[in-house]
Amino acid sequence: MVEESNKERKVNWDLLDEMREESRIKVEALKKRVEYKYNSKLKPRQFQVADLVMRKAHPYQLENKLSPKWTGPFRVTEALRNGAYRLEILEGGAIPRTWNATNLKFYFS
């Protein structure tokens, strides 16, 4: 009984590396499927200089649940890399920070 248990334990010990490798492959496959699903629904947004955009409102700008979720319009003054943009108010005042494209949407008047 003890010998059989020891033999089974040795066999399981030998198969441990294979089981780990199989698990790693399954996790990588799952990550690829999730990435593909996410990227298939992603709508990339790129803005040009002088485009009119609206930006997502900060939580402190929301007075209640019926407050507008977007503020603006603003004008894009500079397109930086990785989807970052500098904005200005239509009257000409620059906004001091950059905004990511995920927090912006086109303004249609």
Protein backbone atom coordinates (compact mmCIF):
# COMPACT_ATOMS: atom_id res chain seq x y z
CA MET A 1 0.00 0.00 0.00
CA VAL A 2 2.74 2.44 0.96
CA GLU A 3 4.85 1.39 -2.03
CA GLU A 4 1.94 1.99 -4.41
CA SER A 5 1.36 5.40 -2.90
CA ASN A 6 5.04 6.29 -3.29
CA LYS A 7 5.01 5.13 -6.92
CA GLU A 8 1.94 7.23 -7.69
CA ARG A 9 3.52 10.22 -6.01
CA LYS A 10 6.69 9.82 -8.13
CA VAL A 11 4.60 9.56 -11.30
CA ASN A 12 2.67 12.69 -10.33
CA TRP A 13 5.95 14.44 -9.57
CA ASP A 14 7.26 13.54 -13.03
CA LEU A 15 4.07 14.81 -14.69
CA LEU A 16 4.06 18.08 -12.75
CA ASP A 17 6.21 19.97 -15.29
CA GLU A 18 4.01 18.79 -18.15
CA MET A 19 0.88 19.87 -16.31
CA ARG A 20 2.38 23.30 -15.61
CA GLU A 21 3.33 23.72 -19.29
CA GLU A 22 -0.16 22.69 -20.38
CA SER A 23 -1.70 25.18 -17.96
CA ARG A 24 0.57 27.96 -19.22
CA ILE A 25 -0.45 27.23 -22.82
CA LYS A 26 -4.14 27.34 -21.86
CA VAL A 27 -3.71 30.66 -20.06
CA GLU A 28 -1.89 32.17 -23.06
CA ALA A 29 -4.66 30.98 -25.40
CA LEU A 30 -7.29 32.51 -23.11
CA LYS A 31 -5.41 35.84 -23.05
CA LYS A 32 -5.27 35.85 -26.86
CA ARG A 33 -9.02 35.22 -27.11
CA VAL A 34 -9.81 37.98 -24.63
CA GLU A 35 -7.47 40.39 -26.44
CA TYR A 36 -9.05 39.57 -29.81
CA LYS A 37 -12.57 40.08 -28.43
CA TYR A 38 -11.61 43.42 -26.86
CA ASN A 39 -9.83 44.70 -29.96
CA SER A 40 -12.71 43.69 -32.23
CA LYS A 41 -15.04 46.03 -30.33
CA LEU A 42 -12.54 48.85 -29.88
CA LYS A 43 -13.24 51.99 -31.90
CA PRO A 44 -9.98 53.88 -32.34
CA ARG A 45 -10.38 57.64 -32.29
CA GLN A 46 -7.92 60.02 -33.83
CA PHE A 47 -8.38 63.76 -33.89
CA GLN A 48 -6.69 66.33 -36.09
CA VAL A 49 -5.55 69.81 -35.09
CA ALA A 50 -8.54 72.24 -35.14
CA ASP A 51 -11.13 69.48 -34.66
CA LEU A 52 -13.94 70.32 -32.25
CA VAL A 53 -14.27 67.81 -29.43
CA MET A 54 -16.14 67.29 -26.18
CA ARG A 55 -14.43 65.90 -23.11
CA LYS A 56 -15.76 63.63 -20.40
CA ALA A 57 -16.92 65.57 -17.34
CA HIS A 58 -15.04 65.17 -14.06
CA PRO A 59 -17.01 63.61 -11.21
CA TYR A 60 -16.94 66.92 -9.32
CA GLN A 61 -18.68 68.58 -12.29
CA LEU A 62 -21.61 66.16 -12.01
CA GLU A 63 -24.16 67.63 -9.63
CA ASN A 64 -26.62 64.73 -9.93
CA LYS A 65 -27.32 61.75 -12.15
CA LEU A 66 -29.05 63.94 -14.76
CA SER A 67 -26.06 66.28 -15.22
CA PRO A 68 -24.43 66.27 -18.66
CA LYS A 69 -21.67 63.66 -18.88
CA TRP A 70 -19.68 65.62 -21.50
CA THR A 71 -18.46 69.23 -21.48
CA GLY A 72 -17.36 71.38 -24.35
CA PRO A 73 -16.86 72.09 -27.18
CA PHE A 74 -13.07 72.47 -27.22
CA ARG A 75 -10.59 72.78 -30.05
CA VAL A 76 -7.62 70.43 -30.49
CA THR A 77 -4.42 72.48 -30.61
CA GLU A 78 -1.80 69.73 -30.65
CA ALA A 79 -1.83 66.00 -31.25
CA LEU A 80 0.80 64.24 -29.15
CA ARG A 81 1.76 60.58 -29.31
CA ASN A 82 -0.19 57.63 -27.87
CA GLY A 83 -3.58 59.33 -28.22
CA ALA A 84 -2.84 62.40 -26.08
CA TYR A 85 -4.14 65.82 -27.13
CA ARG A 86 -3.86 69.41 -25.98
CA LEU A 87 -7.09 71.38 -25.99
CA GLU A 88 -8.17 74.99 -25.85
CA ILE A 89 -11.41 76.78 -25.18
CA LEU A 90 -13.04 78.17 -28.33
CA GLU A 91 -12.32 81.72 -27.15
CA GLY A 92 -8.61 80.92 -27.19
CA GLY A 93 -7.68 79.99 -23.60
CA ALA A 94 -5.45 76.92 -23.38
CA ILE A 95 -6.33 74.07 -21.03
CA PRO A 96 -3.26 73.27 -18.88
CA ARG A 97 -3.23 69.47 -19.12
CA THR A 98 -3.38 66.86 -21.87
CA TRP A 99 -6.36 64.62 -22.57
CA ASN A 100 -6.43 61.03 -23.79
CA ALA A 101 -8.58 60.09 -26.79
CA THR A 102 -10.66 57.76 -24.61
CA ASN A 103 -11.94 60.83 -22.73
CA LEU A 104 -12.78 62.78 -25.90
CA LYS A 105 -15.40 62.51 -28.60
CA PHE A 106 -16.18 64.52 -31.72
CA TYR A 107 -18.42 67.55 -31.35
CA PHE A 108 -21.07 67.87 -34.04
CA SER A 109 -22.80 71.22 -34.14
